[in-house]
Amino acid sequence: MAQYTITYFDIRGRTEAMRFLLADQGCEWKEDKVPIEDWFGGKVEIKKTALFGQLPMFADGDFILFQSNTILRYLGRKHDLYGKNSKEAALIDMANDGLEDLRQKFAKFFFQEWDTGKEKYMEDLPNQLRPFERLLSQNASGFLAGSTVSYADYNLLDLLQSHLIWAPDCLSSFPHLKAFKGKMESRPKLKAYLQSDDYKNRLFHPTRKV
C-alpha cells in the first residue's frame, strides 16, 4: 500500500520533481487527480480546506503538507537527499531557491506572455541557465552540490525537461547541464519511470500544446 499521496491536477506542473524523487528512491505513491475545470469551478471539496487555497497537497500517511518546495525539502530530509553537512544543505537550498526563481519566470512567460514574449524569454534564457551550469562545473560529482543526488537535482531535471519541450537546443552551449540531464535520466529507477506510460501520458499542460 502506497505510503504517499500526491493530490494535484493531472499535469506535470509543480509535482513532477516529487515524482522523480520518489521513483528514483524506489517509493510507491498514489495519485489523487483533481480535474482543473472542477477546481476553478469550485466543485472540489478539498479547495475549501487547502491551507493556502492551492495545490499540490502531499500526504505521508496522515501527515499533510502544502507548498511544493516544502514538500521537496521534507522528502529530501526523509530520504537522505540533503547533503552530508550543514554547508552542503545550504548550497542545495541555495540552488533550489534559484530554481524557484527560474520556475516563476517560466510560469509568467508561459501563462501571461506566450504570444508576446517568446523572443525576449529565449534571449534571456542562457543568462538564467548559466548559474546552474556554473554550480555543476564546480562540483566533480556532477550534481548541484555535494557528492550525491539531492532533492534540488530532481527539480533541476524537471525544469530542464520543461524548457526542452519547446526549446530543444537550449542546452547546446551548456555541456555540464547536458551531462547532468543524461546522468539523471540514466539512473535505473528514474529511467524506468521516464519510460512508463504514467510519465509519457501526463501532459505538460492540458490547454497548451508546445
Protein backbone atom coordinates (compact mmCIF):
# COMPACT_ATOMS: atom_id res chain seq x y z
CA MET A 1 0.00 0.00 0.00
CA ALA A 2 1.36 3.39 -1.03
CA GLN A 3 2.55 5.49 1.89
CA TYR A 4 2.48 8.75 -0.06
CA THR A 5 -0.33 10.52 -1.89
CA ILE A 6 0.05 13.42 -4.33
CA THR A 7 -3.12 15.46 -4.80
CA TYR A 8 -2.82 17.64 -7.89
CA PHE A 9 -4.10 18.23 -11.37
CA ASP A 10 -3.31 15.59 -14.00
CA ILE A 11 -0.31 17.52 -15.29
CA ARG A 12 3.42 17.63 -14.57
CA GLY A 13 3.45 21.13 -13.13
CA ARG A 14 4.82 21.52 -9.63
CA THR A 15 4.69 17.82 -8.76
CA GLU A 16 6.87 16.18 -11.40
CA ALA A 17 10.06 16.80 -9.42
CA MET A 18 8.41 14.98 -6.49
CA ARG A 19 7.60 12.05 -8.75
CA PHE A 20 11.20 11.96 -10.00
CA LEU A 21 12.45 11.85 -6.42
CA LEU A 22 10.01 9.18 -5.29
CA ALA A 23 10.59 6.99 -8.33
CA ASP A 24 14.36 7.27 -8.04
CA GLN A 25 14.20 6.35 -4.35
CA GLY A 26 12.06 3.30 -5.06
CA CYS A 27 8.98 4.68 -3.31
CA GLU A 28 5.38 3.97 -4.19
CA TRP A 29 2.78 6.69 -4.20
CA LYS A 30 -0.86 7.25 -5.08
CA GLU A 31 -2.20 9.97 -7.35
CA ASP A 32 -5.36 11.81 -6.36
CA LYS A 33 -6.14 13.66 -9.59
CA VAL A 34 -8.23 16.82 -9.42
CA PRO A 35 -9.92 17.98 -12.66
CA ILE A 36 -8.73 21.51 -13.37
CA GLU A 37 -12.16 22.63 -14.53
CA ASP A 38 -13.71 21.39 -11.28
CA TRP A 39 -11.08 23.18 -9.20
CA PHE A 40 -11.64 26.53 -10.86
CA GLY A 41 -15.38 25.92 -10.94
CA GLY A 42 -15.48 25.49 -7.19
CA LYS A 43 -16.65 21.88 -7.40
CA VAL A 44 -13.82 20.34 -5.38
CA GLU A 45 -14.26 19.96 -1.64
CA ILE A 46 -10.53 19.97 -0.96
CA LYS A 47 -10.30 23.57 -2.15
CA LYS A 48 -12.15 24.63 1.00
CA THR A 49 -9.53 23.06 3.25
CA ALA A 50 -6.35 23.59 1.22
CA LEU A 51 -4.16 25.58 3.59
CA PHE A 52 -3.15 28.29 1.12
CA GLY A 53 -6.01 27.73 -1.30
CA GLN A 54 -3.81 25.90 -3.78
CA LEU A 55 -2.37 22.56 -4.78
CA PRO A 56 -0.35 20.37 -4.62
CA MET A 57 -1.20 18.64 -1.39
CA PHE A 58 1.10 15.87 -0.22
CA ALA A 59 0.27 13.19 2.32
CA ASP A 60 2.70 10.96 4.16
CA GLY A 61 0.16 8.76 5.89
CA ASP A 62 -1.89 11.21 7.94
CA PHE A 63 0.78 13.93 7.81
CA ILE A 64 -0.29 16.61 5.31
CA LEU A 65 1.86 19.24 3.61
CA PHE A 66 1.26 22.04 1.12
CA GLN A 67 3.78 24.14 -0.84
CA SER A 68 5.82 22.24 -3.43
CA ASN A 69 9.29 23.29 -2.26
CA THR A 70 8.43 22.47 1.35
CA ILE A 71 7.37 19.02 0.18
CA LEU A 72 10.63 18.55 -1.71
CA ARG A 73 12.67 19.59 1.32
CA TYR A 74 10.68 17.25 3.56
CA LEU A 75 11.35 14.35 1.20
CA GLY A 76 14.97 15.44 0.98
CA ARG A 77 15.39 15.14 4.73
CA LYS A 78 13.45 11.91 4.96
CA HIS A 79 15.35 10.15 2.16
CA ASP A 80 18.84 11.50 2.91
CA LEU A 81 18.87 13.82 -0.11
CA TYR A 82 20.01 16.93 1.73
CA GLY A 83 23.80 16.75 1.64
CA LYS A 84 26.20 15.42 4.24
CA ASN A 85 26.54 18.52 6.40
CA SER A 86 25.04 21.94 7.03
CA LYS A 87 27.14 23.64 4.35
CA GLU A 88 26.07 21.19 1.67
CA ALA A 89 22.46 21.57 2.81
CA ALA A 90 22.77 25.35 2.47
CA LEU A 91 24.18 25.03 -1.06
CA ILE A 92 21.34 22.68 -2.00
CA ASP A 93 18.78 25.15 -0.64
CA MET A 94 20.50 27.99 -2.49
CA ALA A 95 20.32 26.07 -5.76
CA ASN A 96 16.68 25.23 -5.20
CA ASP A 97 15.83 28.86 -4.43
CA GLY A 98 17.47 29.79 -7.73
CA LEU A 99 15.38 27.13 -9.47
CA GLU A 100 12.23 28.60 -7.94
CA ASP A 101 13.19 31.99 -9.39
CA LEU A 102 13.53 30.38 -12.81
CA ARG A 103 10.25 28.48 -12.42
CA GLN A 104 8.44 31.71 -11.58
CA LYS A 105 9.87 33.43 -14.65
CA PHE A 106 8.96 30.48 -16.83
CA ALA A 107 5.42 30.41 -15.44
CA LYS A 108 4.97 34.13 -16.09
CA PHE A 109 6.14 33.68 -19.67
CA PHE A 110 4.12 30.51 -20.24
CA PHE A 111 0.82 31.77 -18.85
CA GLN A 112 0.98 35.52 -19.46
CA GLU A 113 3.44 36.27 -22.26
CA TRP A 114 3.33 33.22 -24.53
CA ASP A 115 2.21 35.18 -27.59
CA THR A 116 4.23 38.32 -26.97
CA GLY A 117 7.33 37.38 -25.01
CA LYS A 118 8.88 34.30 -26.64
CA GLU A 119 11.76 36.12 -28.29
CA LYS A 120 12.63 38.05 -25.13
CA TYR A 121 12.46 34.96 -22.94
CA MET A 122 14.62 32.97 -25.35
CA GLU A 123 17.22 35.72 -25.48
CA ASP A 124 17.49 35.77 -21.71
CA LEU A 125 17.30 32.01 -21.13
CA PRO A 126 21.10 31.47 -21.33
CA ASN A 127 21.52 34.01 -18.53
CA GLN A 128 19.02 32.07 -16.44
CA LEU A 129 20.70 28.71 -17.07
CA ARG A 130 24.26 29.91 -16.57
CA PRO A 131 24.24 29.85 -12.73
CA PHE A 132 23.30 26.16 -12.73
CA GLU A 133 25.95 25.39 -15.33
CA ARG A 134 28.45 27.13 -13.04
CA LEU A 135 27.36 25.14 -9.98
CA LEU A 136 27.68 21.87 -11.87
CA SER A 137 31.07 22.82 -13.29
CA GLN A 138 32.37 23.43 -9.77
CA ASN A 139 31.25 20.08 -8.39
CA ALA A 140 33.10 16.95 -9.51
CA SER A 141 30.16 14.72 -8.60
CA GLY A 142 28.06 16.11 -11.45
CA PHE A 143 25.30 17.17 -9.05
CA LEU A 144 24.36 20.67 -7.94
CA ALA A 145 26.00 20.30 -4.54
CA GLY A 146 27.63 17.58 -2.50
CA SER A 147 28.77 14.14 -3.57
CA THR A 148 25.34 12.55 -4.03
CA VAL A 149 21.99 13.41 -5.57
CA SER A 150 19.84 15.93 -3.68
CA TYR A 151 16.21 16.96 -3.80
CA ALA A 152 17.21 20.04 -5.82
CA ASP A 153 18.65 17.87 -8.60
CA TYR A 154 15.21 16.44 -9.32
CA ASN A 155 13.84 19.96 -9.50
CA LEU A 156 16.54 20.99 -11.96
CA LEU A 157 15.87 17.97 -14.16
CA ASP A 158 12.16 18.82 -14.27
CA LEU A 159 12.83 22.43 -15.26
CA LEU A 160 15.30 21.39 -17.95
CA GLN A 161 12.80 18.96 -19.43
CA SER A 162 10.09 21.63 -19.33
CA HIS A 163 12.24 24.02 -21.34
CA LEU A 164 13.43 21.39 -23.78
CA ILE A 165 9.86 20.64 -24.85
CA TRP A 166 9.69 23.90 -26.75
CA ALA A 167 13.37 24.96 -26.88
CA PRO A 168 15.18 21.73 -27.87
CA ASP A 169 18.52 23.47 -28.40
CA CYS A 170 18.62 25.43 -25.14
CA LEU A 171 21.39 23.25 -23.65
CA SER A 172 23.66 23.32 -26.67
CA SER A 173 26.01 25.83 -25.02
CA PHE A 174 25.90 24.21 -21.59
CA PRO A 175 27.89 20.95 -21.52
CA HIS A 176 27.55 20.42 -17.78
CA LEU A 177 23.78 20.85 -17.83
CA LYS A 178 23.56 18.50 -20.78
CA ALA A 179 25.71 15.91 -18.99
CA PHE A 180 23.66 16.36 -15.83
CA LYS A 181 20.45 15.64 -17.69
CA GLY A 182 21.93 12.45 -19.15
CA LYS A 183 23.29 11.40 -15.77
CA MET A 184 19.95 11.84 -14.04
CA GLU A 185 17.90 10.19 -16.76
CA SER A 186 20.18 7.15 -16.76
CA ARG A 187 19.64 6.36 -13.08
CA PRO A 188 17.92 2.94 -13.29
CA LYS A 189 14.78 3.57 -11.25
CA LEU A 190 14.29 7.06 -12.63
CA LYS A 191 14.88 5.78 -16.16
CA ALA A 192 12.18 3.16 -15.66
CA TYR A 193 9.75 5.87 -14.55
CA LEU A 194 10.60 8.07 -17.53
CA GLN A 195 9.82 5.13 -19.80
CA SER A 196 6.48 4.42 -18.10
CA ASP A 197 3.09 5.23 -19.56
CA ASP A 198 2.26 7.23 -16.44
CA TYR A 199 5.03 9.68 -17.26
CA LYS A 200 4.57 9.71 -21.02
CA ASN A 201 0.82 10.26 -20.84
CA ARG A 202 0.94 13.06 -18.29
CA LEU A 203 0.59 16.38 -20.07
CA PHE A 204 2.82 19.35 -19.52
CA HIS A 205 -0.32 21.47 -19.54
CA PRO A 206 -3.77 20.45 -20.85
CA THR A 207 -4.65 23.73 -22.55
CA ARG A 208 -1.47 24.49 -24.47
CA LYS A 209 0.36 22.32 -26.96
CA VAL A 210 4.06 23.12 -27.16
